[in-house]
């Protein structure tokens, strides 16, 4: 696991209550894990937006994007395990 550092974050009371409800229902083990997950999701959403802009700028179709992703994965696999 990555080394964790502590930071102080301030939330309005209502937002903190909503986070606490997720924890109370057992959806997250702690406030910290909820916040870490929210950061990961925000990064994923931003990445999706970046990919959409690239697709639009390059004029790619969804199928071309999928096929390109498959080619990249296949090439990475070959590099990791060899051609055999």
C-alpha atoms as a PDB file:
ATOM      1  CA  UNK A   1       0.000   0.000   0.000  1.00  0.00           C
ATOM      2  CA  UNK A   2       1.168   3.530  -0.727  1.00  0.00           C
ATOM      3  CA  UNK A   3       2.478   5.607   2.149  1.00  0.00           C
ATOM      4  CA  UNK A   4      -0.284   7.837   3.493  1.00  0.00           C
ATOM      5  CA  UNK A   5       0.104  11.447   4.590  1.00  0.00           C
ATOM      6  CA  UNK A   6      -2.364  13.254   6.748  1.00  0.00           C
ATOM      7  CA  UNK A   7      -4.009  16.463   5.528  1.00  0.00           C
ATOM      8  CA  UNK A   8      -6.655  18.662   7.055  1.00  0.00           C
ATOM      9  CA  UNK A   9      -9.839  19.153   5.046  1.00  0.00           C
ATOM     10  CA  UNK A  10     -12.793  21.297   6.038  1.00  0.00           C
ATOM     11  CA  UNK A  11     -16.360  20.460   4.988  1.00  0.00           C
ATOM     12  CA  UNK A  12     -19.660  22.216   5.523  1.00  0.00           C
ATOM     13  CA  UNK A  13     -21.734  20.380   8.151  1.00  0.00           C
ATOM     14  CA  UNK A  14     -24.307  19.074   5.645  1.00  0.00           C
ATOM     15  CA  UNK A  15     -21.639  17.529   3.406  1.00  0.00           C
ATOM     16  CA  UNK A  16     -19.989  15.909   6.411  1.00  0.00           C
ATOM     17  CA  UNK A  17     -23.344  14.441   7.487  1.00  0.00           C
ATOM     18  CA  UNK A  18     -23.802  12.960   4.008  1.00  0.00           C
ATOM     19  CA  UNK A  19     -20.331  11.396   4.163  1.00  0.00           C
ATOM     20  CA  UNK A  20     -21.096  10.027   7.622  1.00  0.00           C
ATOM     21  CA  UNK A  21     -24.286   8.394   6.331  1.00  0.00           C
ATOM     22  CA  UNK A  22     -22.269   6.461   3.749  1.00  0.00           C
ATOM     23  CA  UNK A  23     -19.935   5.304   6.515  1.00  0.00           C
ATOM     24  CA  UNK A  24     -22.820   4.396   8.844  1.00  0.00           C
ATOM     25  CA  UNK A  25     -24.441   2.285   6.109  1.00  0.00           C
ATOM     26  CA  UNK A  26     -21.163   0.430   5.686  1.00  0.00           C
ATOM     27  CA  UNK A  27     -20.551   1.641   2.138  1.00  0.00           C
ATOM     28  CA  UNK A  28     -17.175   3.025   3.238  1.00  0.00           C
ATOM     29  CA  UNK A  29     -15.097   2.012   6.248  1.00  0.00           C
ATOM     30  CA  UNK A  30     -14.215   5.619   7.104  1.00  0.00           C
ATOM     31  CA  UNK A  31     -14.524   9.241   6.080  1.00  0.00           C
ATOM     32  CA  UNK A  32     -10.991   9.045   4.737  1.00  0.00           C
ATOM     33  CA  UNK A  33     -11.810   6.171   2.402  1.00  0.00           C
ATOM     34  CA  UNK A  34     -14.895   8.012   1.145  1.00  0.00           C
ATOM     35  CA  UNK A  35     -12.755  11.059   0.339  1.00  0.00           C
ATOM     36  CA  UNK A  36     -10.013   8.967  -1.334  1.00  0.00           C
ATOM     37  CA  UNK A  37     -12.682   7.270  -3.466  1.00  0.00           C
ATOM     38  CA  UNK A  38     -14.196  10.638  -4.392  1.00  0.00           C
ATOM     39  CA  UNK A  39     -10.771  11.854  -5.550  1.00  0.00           C
ATOM     40  CA  UNK A  40     -10.247   8.697  -7.649  1.00  0.00           C
ATOM     41  CA  UNK A  41     -13.689   9.119  -9.228  1.00  0.00           C
ATOM     42  CA  UNK A  42     -13.053  12.805  -9.965  1.00  0.00           C
ATOM     43  CA  UNK A  43      -9.803  11.863 -11.716  1.00  0.00           C
ATOM     44  CA  UNK A  44     -11.586   9.187 -13.758  1.00  0.00           C
ATOM     45  CA  UNK A  45     -14.301  11.645 -14.805  1.00  0.00           C
ATOM     46  CA  UNK A  46     -11.674  14.167 -15.871  1.00  0.00           C
ATOM     47  CA  UNK A  47      -9.844  11.470 -17.871  1.00  0.00           C
ATOM     48  CA  UNK A  48     -13.056  10.508 -19.653  1.00  0.00           C
ATOM     49  CA  UNK A  49     -13.601  14.150 -20.583  1.00  0.00           C
ATOM     50  CA  UNK A  50     -10.062  14.375 -21.933  1.00  0.00           C
ATOM     51  CA  UNK A  51     -10.580  11.218 -23.999  1.00  0.00           C
ATOM     52  CA  UNK A  52     -13.839  12.567 -25.403  1.00  0.00           C
ATOM     53  CA  UNK A  53     -12.116  15.776 -26.492  1.00  0.00           C
ATOM     54  CA  UNK A  54      -9.305  13.798 -28.120  1.00  0.00           C
ATOM     55  CA  UNK A  55     -11.787  11.589 -29.953  1.00  0.00           C
ATOM     56  CA  UNK A  56     -13.685  14.640 -31.203  1.00  0.00           C
ATOM     57  CA  UNK A  57     -10.484  16.489 -32.196  1.00  0.00           C
ATOM     58  CA  UNK A  58      -9.160  13.463 -34.098  1.00  0.00           C
ATOM     59  CA  UNK A  59     -12.533  12.565 -35.598  1.00  0.00           C
ATOM     60  CA  UNK A  60     -12.358   9.002 -34.264  1.00  0.00           C
ATOM     61  CA  UNK A  61     -15.359   6.745 -34.063  1.00  0.00           C
ATOM     62  CA  UNK A  62     -16.165   4.738 -30.944  1.00  0.00           C
ATOM     63  CA  UNK A  63     -15.172   1.557 -32.794  1.00  0.00           C
ATOM     64  CA  UNK A  64     -11.780   3.011 -33.753  1.00  0.00           C
ATOM     65  CA  UNK A  65     -11.197   3.965 -30.116  1.00  0.00           C
ATOM     66  CA  UNK A  66     -12.080   0.451 -28.923  1.00  0.00           C
ATOM     67  CA  UNK A  67      -9.895  -1.197 -31.563  1.00  0.00           C
ATOM     68  CA  UNK A  68      -7.001   1.130 -30.757  1.00  0.00           C
ATOM     69  CA  UNK A  69      -7.318   0.285 -27.075  1.00  0.00           C
ATOM     70  CA  UNK A  70      -7.271  -3.422 -27.877  1.00  0.00           C
ATOM     71  CA  UNK A  71      -4.119  -2.982 -29.970  1.00  0.00           C
ATOM     72  CA  UNK A  72      -2.386  -1.156 -27.127  1.00  0.00           C
ATOM     73  CA  UNK A  73      -3.353  -3.861 -24.607  1.00  0.00           C
ATOM     74  CA  UNK A  74      -2.174  -6.626 -26.955  1.00  0.00           C
ATOM     75  CA  UNK A  75       1.158  -4.874 -27.504  1.00  0.00           C
ATOM     76  CA  UNK A  76       1.661  -4.363 -23.768  1.00  0.00           C
ATOM     77  CA  UNK A  77       0.839  -8.028 -23.152  1.00  0.00           C
ATOM     78  CA  UNK A  78       3.386  -9.130 -25.768  1.00  0.00           C
ATOM     79  CA  UNK A  79       6.021  -6.907 -24.151  1.00  0.00           C
ATOM     80  CA  UNK A  80       5.266  -8.321 -20.691  1.00  0.00           C
ATOM     81  CA  UNK A  81       5.063 -12.033 -21.530  1.00  0.00           C
ATOM     82  CA  UNK A  82       6.691 -12.333 -24.931  1.00  0.00           C
ATOM     83  CA  UNK A  83       5.309 -13.500 -28.263  1.00  0.00           C
ATOM     84  CA  UNK A  84       5.076 -17.189 -27.260  1.00  0.00           C
END
